[in-house]
Amino acid sequence: MTTSDAATSASALRLAVTAERLFAEHGINGVSLRQIAAEAGSANNSAVHYHFGSKHALIAAIFGHRLPQIMSERRLLATRCDPDDVRSRFEAQFLPVLTMAEANDNRYVSFVEQLQRDESTFGWYLTDLPDEGMRSNEEFRCDLRRLLGDLDERLRTMRIAEAQSLCLHAAADRERAVASGADVAPFELFVGSLLDGLTGFLCAPASQATTRRLGEASASNPPRPRLL
């Protein structure tokens, strides 16, 4: 890599990291590309367009920067987890996300939370995930569907999506608290309590009221897929 290439790469990374923080704080549509360039210290108001071409490509670059670490840690944890235990499988999938939220050098989890809340971006952001990320998510959902086989298929699908959302929001709340310097519970206690609660939620038997409503509900509105 030449000196010029290295400078360009460093500038692009600085823009991506700045965009991640601003998107996390203000929402995907609450920040302009010009604001990102200015906050990143660029004298060129068109720096984002120069390096990425569009906000869409910038978001894809944030994924490309953060996901390799998450995927690497998931592969390692997958070799150690009990594939027939719901809690162990959930931990292998989400501990890397919770760990990233604990660090004060990124706002990735809050960025993803904002992205998933934004209806204008939801339709395409999943297509920007690297193939390994897509496979990881689908393998996780397949494993949980197998482990929760006693539940009605529609209820099982709903709970998996809801558990993913609950974990994401809990991690994002924790990330914001850590970033603000607030007092927080020890990380191991936070993770243990969260995983215990989500496991209980996933494995709880359906009540008669829920079973009755399943019979009444339309199957035309499946839960939205989740990133993390």
C-alpha atoms as a PDB file:
ATOM      1  CA  MET A   1       0.000   0.000   0.000  1.00  0.00           C
ATOM      2  CA  THR A   2       1.366   3.414  -0.964  1.00  0.00           C
ATOM      3  CA  THR A   3       1.425   6.382   1.391  1.00  0.00           C
ATOM      4  CA  SER A   4      -1.424   7.910  -0.594  1.00  0.00           C
ATOM      5  CA  ASP A   5      -3.471   4.710  -0.370  1.00  0.00           C
ATOM      6  CA  ALA A   6      -2.865   4.499   3.380  1.00  0.00           C
ATOM      7  CA  ALA A   7      -4.003   8.090   3.863  1.00  0.00           C
ATOM      8  CA  THR A   8      -7.133   7.434   1.806  1.00  0.00           C
ATOM      9  CA  SER A   9      -7.886   4.290   3.803  1.00  0.00           C
ATOM     10  CA  ALA A  10      -7.385   6.116   7.098  1.00  0.00           C
ATOM     11  CA  SER A  11      -9.658   8.948   5.962  1.00  0.00           C
ATOM     12  CA  ALA A  12     -12.373   6.507   4.903  1.00  0.00           C
ATOM     13  CA  LEU A  13     -12.168   4.677   8.228  1.00  0.00           C
ATOM     14  CA  ARG A  14     -12.385   7.950  10.158  1.00  0.00           C
ATOM     15  CA  LEU A  15     -15.504   8.873   8.193  1.00  0.00           C
ATOM     16  CA  ALA A  16     -17.094   5.463   8.812  1.00  0.00           C
ATOM     17  CA  VAL A  17     -16.412   5.555  12.559  1.00  0.00           C
ATOM     18  CA  THR A  18     -17.721   9.113  12.786  1.00  0.00           C
ATOM     19  CA  ALA A  19     -20.834   8.169  10.831  1.00  0.00           C
ATOM     20  CA  GLU A  20     -21.448   5.204  13.127  1.00  0.00           C
ATOM     21  CA  ARG A  21     -21.431   7.500  16.169  1.00  0.00           C
ATOM     22  CA  LEU A  22     -23.609  10.187  14.605  1.00  0.00           C
ATOM     23  CA  PHE A  23     -26.114   7.657  13.270  1.00  0.00           C
ATOM     24  CA  ALA A  24     -26.257   6.069  16.728  1.00  0.00           C
ATOM     25  CA  GLU A  25     -26.937   9.434  18.358  1.00  0.00           C
ATOM     26  CA  HIS A  26     -29.286  11.050  15.840  1.00  0.00           C
ATOM     27  CA  GLY A  27     -30.734   8.298  13.658  1.00  0.00           C
ATOM     28  CA  ILE A  28     -29.980   7.328  10.089  1.00  0.00           C
ATOM     29  CA  ASN A  29     -31.966  10.182   8.570  1.00  0.00           C
ATOM     30  CA  GLY A  30     -30.982  12.680  11.253  1.00  0.00           C
ATOM     31  CA  VAL A  31     -27.460  13.195   9.900  1.00  0.00           C
ATOM     32  CA  SER A  32     -26.313  14.512   6.538  1.00  0.00           C
ATOM     33  CA  LEU A  33     -23.208  13.387   4.700  1.00  0.00           C
ATOM     34  CA  ARG A  34     -21.917  16.955   4.969  1.00  0.00           C
ATOM     35  CA  GLN A  35     -22.277  16.811   8.772  1.00  0.00           C
ATOM     36  CA  ILE A  36     -20.380  13.533   8.888  1.00  0.00           C
ATOM     37  CA  ALA A  37     -17.512  14.989   6.879  1.00  0.00           C
ATOM     38  CA  ALA A  38     -17.348  18.087   9.099  1.00  0.00           C
ATOM     39  CA  GLU A  39     -17.458  16.050  12.323  1.00  0.00           C
ATOM     40  CA  ALA A  40     -14.697  13.802  11.005  1.00  0.00           C
ATOM     41  CA  GLY A  41     -12.498  16.861  10.538  1.00  0.00           C
ATOM     42  CA  SER A  42     -12.494  16.817   6.745  1.00  0.00           C
ATOM     43  CA  ALA A  43     -12.078  20.115   4.927  1.00  0.00           C
ATOM     44  CA  ASN A  44     -13.905  18.586   1.960  1.00  0.00           C
ATOM     45  CA  ASN A  45     -17.695  18.672   2.387  1.00  0.00           C
ATOM     46  CA  SER A  46     -17.976  15.980  -0.288  1.00  0.00           C
ATOM     47  CA  ALA A  47     -15.560  13.589   1.433  1.00  0.00           C
ATOM     48  CA  VAL A  48     -18.211  10.919   2.052  1.00  0.00           C
ATOM     49  CA  HIS A  49     -19.261  11.010  -1.598  1.00  0.00           C
ATOM     50  CA  TYR A  50     -15.618  10.797  -2.637  1.00  0.00           C
ATOM     51  CA  HIS A  51     -14.841   7.738  -0.489  1.00  0.00           C
ATOM     52  CA  PHE A  52     -18.184   5.898  -0.508  1.00  0.00           C
ATOM     53  CA  GLY A  53     -20.490   7.426  -3.093  1.00  0.00           C
ATOM     54  CA  SER A  54     -23.659   7.316  -0.985  1.00  0.00           C
ATOM     55  CA  LYS A  55     -25.080   6.922   2.502  1.00  0.00           C
ATOM     56  CA  HIS A  56     -26.068   3.370   1.539  1.00  0.00           C
ATOM     57  CA  ALA A  57     -22.461   2.487   0.733  1.00  0.00           C
ATOM     58  CA  LEU A  58     -21.277   4.223   3.906  1.00  0.00           C
ATOM     59  CA  ILE A  59     -23.565   2.027   6.016  1.00  0.00           C
ATOM     60  CA  ALA A  60     -22.245  -1.038   4.192  1.00  0.00           C
ATOM     61  CA  ALA A  61     -18.713   0.118   5.063  1.00  0.00           C
ATOM     62  CA  ILE A  62     -19.611   0.314   8.764  1.00  0.00           C
ATOM     63  CA  PHE A  63     -20.788  -3.291   8.607  1.00  0.00           C
ATOM     64  CA  GLY A  64     -17.633  -4.246   6.787  1.00  0.00           C
ATOM     65  CA  HIS A  65     -15.516  -2.654   9.496  1.00  0.00           C
ATOM     66  CA  ARG A  66     -17.269  -4.133  12.552  1.00  0.00           C
ATOM     67  CA  LEU A  67     -18.652  -7.510  11.532  1.00  0.00           C
ATOM     68  CA  PRO A  68     -15.363  -9.386  11.002  1.00  0.00           C
ATOM     69  CA  GLN A  69     -14.572  -9.099  14.722  1.00  0.00           C
ATOM     70  CA  ILE A  70     -18.053 -10.316  15.682  1.00  0.00           C
ATOM     71  CA  MET A  71     -17.887 -13.207  13.214  1.00  0.00           C
ATOM     72  CA  SER A  72     -14.440 -14.259  14.421  1.00  0.00           C
ATOM     73  CA  GLU A  73     -15.584 -14.360  18.048  1.00  0.00           C
ATOM     74  CA  ARG A  74     -18.757 -16.241  17.116  1.00  0.00           C
ATOM     75  CA  ARG A  75     -16.766 -18.936  15.350  1.00  0.00           C
ATOM     76  CA  LEU A  76     -14.622 -19.408  18.434  1.00  0.00           C
ATOM     77  CA  LEU A  77     -17.610 -19.500  20.806  1.00  0.00           C
ATOM     78  CA  ALA A  78     -19.476 -21.911  18.523  1.00  0.00           C
ATOM     79  CA  THR A  79     -16.743 -24.504  19.029  1.00  0.00           C
ATOM     80  CA  ARG A  80     -17.237 -24.276  22.813  1.00  0.00           C
ATOM     81  CA  CYS A  81     -21.001 -23.997  23.169  1.00  0.00           C
ATOM     82  CA  ASP A  82     -23.476 -26.812  23.768  1.00  0.00           C
ATOM     83  CA  PRO A  83     -25.507 -26.870  20.528  1.00  0.00           C
ATOM     84  CA  ASP A  84     -28.401 -28.557  22.329  1.00  0.00           C
ATOM     85  CA  ASP A  85     -28.722 -25.917  25.049  1.00  0.00           C
ATOM     86  CA  VAL A  86     -30.736 -22.757  24.298  1.00  0.00           C
ATOM     87  CA  ARG A  87     -28.807 -20.512  26.673  1.00  0.00           C
ATOM     88  CA  SER A  88     -25.428 -21.722  25.461  1.00  0.00           C
ATOM     89  CA  ARG A  89     -26.409 -21.256  21.819  1.00  0.00           C
ATOM     90  CA  PHE A  90     -27.795 -17.780  22.465  1.00  0.00           C
ATOM     91  CA  GLU A  91     -24.616 -16.813  24.320  1.00  0.00           C
ATOM     92  CA  ALA A  92     -22.418 -17.974  21.451  1.00  0.00           C
ATOM     93  CA  GLN A  93     -24.380 -15.771  19.064  1.00  0.00           C
ATOM     94  CA  PHE A  94     -24.729 -12.634  21.158  1.00  0.00           C
ATOM     95  CA  LEU A  95     -21.797 -12.453  23.565  1.00  0.00           C
ATOM     96  CA  PRO A  96     -19.620 -10.829  20.863  1.00  0.00           C
ATOM     97  CA  VAL A  97     -22.299  -8.159  20.396  1.00  0.00           C
ATOM     98  CA  LEU A  98     -22.588  -7.556  24.136  1.00  0.00           C
ATOM     99  CA  THR A  99     -18.807  -7.371  24.407  1.00  0.00           C
ATOM    100  CA  MET A 100     -18.614  -4.802  21.624  1.00  0.00           C
ATOM    101  CA  ALA A 101     -21.258  -2.717  23.370  1.00  0.00           C
ATOM    102  CA  GLU A 102     -19.070  -2.694  26.479  1.00  0.00           C
ATOM    103  CA  ALA A 103     -16.177  -0.982  24.707  1.00  0.00           C
ATOM    104  CA  ASN A 104     -16.115   2.817  24.684  1.00  0.00           C
ATOM    105  CA  ASP A 105     -14.394   3.085  21.305  1.00  0.00           C
ATOM    106  CA  ASN A 106     -17.455   2.405  19.162  1.00  0.00           C
ATOM    107  CA  ARG A 107     -21.221   2.919  18.943  1.00  0.00           C
ATOM    108  CA  TYR A 108     -21.959  -0.005  16.658  1.00  0.00           C
ATOM    109  CA  VAL A 109     -24.819  -1.575  18.623  1.00  0.00           C
ATOM    110  CA  SER A 110     -26.700   1.729  18.965  1.00  0.00           C
ATOM    111  CA  PHE A 111     -26.101   2.324  15.251  1.00  0.00           C
ATOM    112  CA  VAL A 112     -27.703  -1.026  14.415  1.00  0.00           C
ATOM    113  CA  GLU A 113     -30.593  -0.288  16.764  1.00  0.00           C
ATOM    114  CA  GLN A 114     -31.251   2.970  14.926  1.00  0.00           C
ATOM    115  CA  LEU A 115     -30.944   1.240  11.574  1.00  0.00           C
ATOM    116  CA  GLN A 116     -33.504  -1.404  12.468  1.00  0.00           C
ATOM    117  CA  ARG A 117     -35.936   1.258  13.678  1.00  0.00           C
ATOM    118  CA  ASP A 118     -35.751   3.166  10.403  1.00  0.00           C
ATOM    119  CA  GLU A 119     -38.404   1.904   7.988  1.00  0.00           C
ATOM    120  CA  SER A 120     -36.774   3.755   5.084  1.00  0.00           C
ATOM    121  CA  THR A 121     -33.582   1.716   5.384  1.00  0.00           C
ATOM    122  CA  PHE A 122     -34.937  -1.604   6.616  1.00  0.00           C
ATOM    123  CA  GLY A 123     -35.709  -2.962   3.171  1.00  0.00           C
ATOM    124  CA  TRP A 124     -32.115  -2.899   1.975  1.00  0.00           C
ATOM    125  CA  TYR A 125     -29.701  -2.944   4.901  1.00  0.00           C
ATOM    126  CA  LEU A 126     -29.801  -6.735   5.221  1.00  0.00           C
ATOM    127  CA  THR A 127     -28.446  -7.010   1.687  1.00  0.00           C
ATOM    128  CA  ASP A 128     -25.296  -5.210   2.816  1.00  0.00           C
ATOM    129  CA  LEU A 129     -24.327  -7.894   5.304  1.00  0.00           C
ATOM    130  CA  PRO A 130     -21.353 -10.043   4.312  1.00  0.00           C
ATOM    131  CA  ASP A 131     -22.360 -13.583   3.355  1.00  0.00           C
ATOM    132  CA  GLU A 132     -20.881 -14.928   6.574  1.00  0.00           C
ATOM    133  CA  GLY A 133     -23.100 -12.609   8.584  1.00  0.00           C
ATOM    134  CA  MET A 134     -26.197 -13.770   6.732  1.00  0.00           C
ATOM    135  CA  ARG A 135     -25.246 -17.417   7.248  1.00  0.00           C
ATOM    136  CA  SER A 136     -24.539 -16.839  10.936  1.00  0.00           C
ATOM    137  CA  ASN A 137     -27.978 -15.327  11.489  1.00  0.00           C
ATOM    138  CA  GLU A 138     -29.797 -18.035   9.579  1.00  0.00           C
ATOM    139  CA  GLU A 139     -27.897 -20.849  11.320  1.00  0.00           C
ATOM    140  CA  PHE A 140     -28.755 -19.277  14.674  1.00  0.00           C
ATOM    141  CA  ARG A 141     -32.457 -19.082  13.841  1.00  0.00           C
ATOM    142  CA  CYS A 142     -32.459 -22.654  12.520  1.00  0.00           C
ATOM    143  CA  ASP A 143     -30.781 -23.918  15.696  1.00  0.00           C
ATOM    144  CA  LEU A 144     -33.290 -22.133  17.936  1.00  0.00           C
ATOM    145  CA  ARG A 145     -36.232 -23.389  15.889  1.00  0.00           C
ATOM    146  CA  ARG A 146     -34.925 -26.900  16.454  1.00  0.00           C
ATOM    147  CA  LEU A 147     -34.325 -26.369  20.169  1.00  0.00           C
ATOM    148  CA  LEU A 148     -37.762 -24.807  20.652  1.00  0.00           C
ATOM    149  CA  GLY A 149     -39.533 -27.533  18.713  1.00  0.00           C
ATOM    150  CA  ASP A 150     -42.265 -27.945  21.331  1.00  0.00           C
ATOM    151  CA  LEU A 151     -43.654 -24.501  20.528  1.00  0.00           C
ATOM    152  CA  ASP A 152     -46.068 -23.712  17.727  1.00  0.00           C
ATOM    153  CA  GLU A 153     -44.060 -22.693  14.656  1.00  0.00           C
ATOM    154  CA  ARG A 154     -45.548 -19.180  14.525  1.00  0.00           C
ATOM    155  CA  LEU A 155     -44.948 -18.578  18.230  1.00  0.00           C
ATOM    156  CA  ARG A 156     -41.411 -19.936  17.938  1.00  0.00           C
ATOM    157  CA  THR A 157     -40.640 -17.569  15.056  1.00  0.00           C
ATOM    158  CA  MET A 158     -42.090 -14.615  16.965  1.00  0.00           C
ATOM    159  CA  ARG A 159     -40.127 -15.371  20.106  1.00  0.00           C
ATOM    160  CA  ILE A 160     -36.802 -15.752  18.316  1.00  0.00           C
ATOM    161  CA  ALA A 161     -37.243 -12.364  16.624  1.00  0.00           C
ATOM    162  CA  GLU A 162     -38.409 -10.768  19.871  1.00  0.00           C
ATOM    163  CA  ALA A 163     -35.500 -12.225  21.848  1.00  0.00           C
ATOM    164  CA  GLN A 164     -33.063 -10.843  19.273  1.00  0.00           C
ATOM    165  CA  SER A 165     -34.685  -7.410  19.561  1.00  0.00           C
ATOM    166  CA  LEU A 166     -34.673  -7.500  23.357  1.00  0.00           C
ATOM    167  CA  CYS A 167     -30.991  -8.414  23.382  1.00  0.00           C
ATOM    168  CA  LEU A 168     -30.142  -5.660  20.899  1.00  0.00           C
ATOM    169  CA  HIS A 169     -32.005  -2.996  22.884  1.00  0.00           C
ATOM    170  CA  ALA A 170     -30.473  -4.142  26.178  1.00  0.00           C
ATOM    171  CA  ALA A 171     -26.997  -4.022  24.616  1.00  0.00           C
ATOM    172  CA  ALA A 172     -27.641  -0.575  23.117  1.00  0.00           C
ATOM    173  CA  ASP A 173     -28.888   0.750  26.468  1.00  0.00           C
ATOM    174  CA  ARG A 174     -25.760  -0.628  28.100  1.00  0.00           C
ATOM    175  CA  GLU A 175     -23.567   0.884  25.393  1.00  0.00           C
ATOM    176  CA  ARG A 176     -25.081   4.344  25.934  1.00  0.00           C
ATOM    177  CA  ALA A 177     -24.703   4.041  29.692  1.00  0.00           C
ATOM    178  CA  VAL A 178     -21.045   3.033  29.384  1.00  0.00           C
ATOM    179  CA  ALA A 179     -20.386   5.862  26.919  1.00  0.00           C
ATOM    180  CA  SER A 180     -21.943   8.423  29.284  1.00  0.00           C
ATOM    181  CA  GLY A 181     -19.918   7.201  32.260  1.00  0.00           C
ATOM    182  CA  ALA A 182     -23.000   6.096  34.190  1.00  0.00           C
ATOM    183  CA  ASP A 183     -22.776   3.513  36.955  1.00  0.00           C
ATOM    184  CA  VAL A 184     -23.590   0.097  35.539  1.00  0.00           C
ATOM    185  CA  ALA A 185     -23.723  -3.433  36.894  1.00  0.00           C
ATOM    186  CA  PRO A 186     -20.589  -5.544  36.390  1.00  0.00           C
ATOM    187  CA  PHE A 187     -20.438  -6.878  32.841  1.00  0.00           C
ATOM    188  CA  GLU A 188     -20.559 -10.559  33.853  1.00  0.00           C
ATOM    189  CA  LEU A 189     -23.661  -9.945  35.976  1.00  0.00           C
ATOM    190  CA  PHE A 190     -25.345  -7.988  33.197  1.00  0.00           C
ATOM    191  CA  VAL A 191     -24.671 -10.730  30.646  1.00  0.00           C
ATOM    192  CA  GLY A 192     -25.681 -13.565  32.974  1.00  0.00           C
ATOM    193  CA  SER A 193     -28.942 -11.924  33.985  1.00  0.00           C
ATOM    194  CA  LEU A 194     -29.817 -11.002  30.406  1.00  0.00           C
ATOM    195  CA  LEU A 195     -29.128 -14.485  29.053  1.00  0.00           C
ATOM    196  CA  ASP A 196     -31.058 -16.111  31.909  1.00  0.00           C
ATOM    197  CA  GLY A 197     -34.057 -13.880  31.232  1.00  0.00           C
ATOM    198  CA  LEU A 198     -34.030 -14.379  27.473  1.00  0.00           C
ATOM    199  CA  THR A 199     -33.677 -18.144  27.862  1.00  0.00           C
ATOM    200  CA  GLY A 200     -36.698 -18.204  30.155  1.00  0.00           C
ATOM    201  CA  PHE A 201     -38.632 -16.082  27.684  1.00  0.00           C
ATOM    202  CA  LEU A 202     -37.764 -18.347  24.765  1.00  0.00           C
ATOM    203  CA  CYS A 203     -38.514 -21.601  26.578  1.00  0.00           C
ATOM    204  CA  ALA A 204     -41.675 -20.626  28.454  1.00  0.00           C
ATOM    205  CA  PRO A 205     -44.684 -22.789  27.539  1.00  0.00           C
ATOM    206  CA  ALA A 206     -47.514 -21.094  25.714  1.00  0.00           C
ATOM    207  CA  SER A 207     -50.513 -20.230  27.867  1.00  0.00           C
ATOM    208  CA  GLN A 208     -54.020 -21.217  26.896  1.00  0.00           C
ATOM    209  CA  ALA A 209     -54.755 -17.568  26.093  1.00  0.00           C
ATOM    210  CA  THR A 210     -51.759 -17.335  23.750  1.00  0.00           C
ATOM    211  CA  THR A 211     -52.621 -20.638  22.084  1.00  0.00           C
ATOM    212  CA  ARG A 212     -56.183 -19.435  21.518  1.00  0.00           C
ATOM    213  CA  ARG A 213     -54.982 -16.194  19.982  1.00  0.00           C
ATOM    214  CA  LEU A 214     -52.581 -18.064  17.731  1.00  0.00           C
ATOM    215  CA  GLY A 215     -55.573 -19.825  16.287  1.00  0.00           C
ATOM    216  CA  GLU A 216     -57.269 -16.494  15.659  1.00  0.00           C
ATOM    217  CA  ALA A 217     -54.256 -14.609  14.311  1.00  0.00           C
ATOM    218  CA  SER A 218     -53.424 -14.194  10.666  1.00  0.00           C
ATOM    219  CA  ALA A 219     -50.134 -15.691   9.486  1.00  0.00           C
ATOM    220  CA  SER A 220     -49.731 -12.900   6.927  1.00  0.00           C
ATOM    221  CA  ASN A 221     -47.491 -10.680   9.084  1.00  0.00           C
ATOM    222  CA  PRO A 222     -44.353 -12.627  10.043  1.00  0.00           C
ATOM    223  CA  PRO A 223     -41.787 -10.892  12.278  1.00  0.00           C
ATOM    224  CA  ARG A 224     -39.130  -8.853  10.530  1.00  0.00           C
ATOM    225  CA  PRO A 225     -35.712 -10.512  10.307  1.00  0.00           C
ATOM    226  CA  ARG A 226     -33.027  -9.127  12.579  1.00  0.00           C
ATOM    227  CA  LEU A 227     -29.429  -8.277  12.027  1.00  0.00           C
ATOM    228  CA  LEU A 228     -27.794  -9.231  15.318  1.00  0.00           C
END
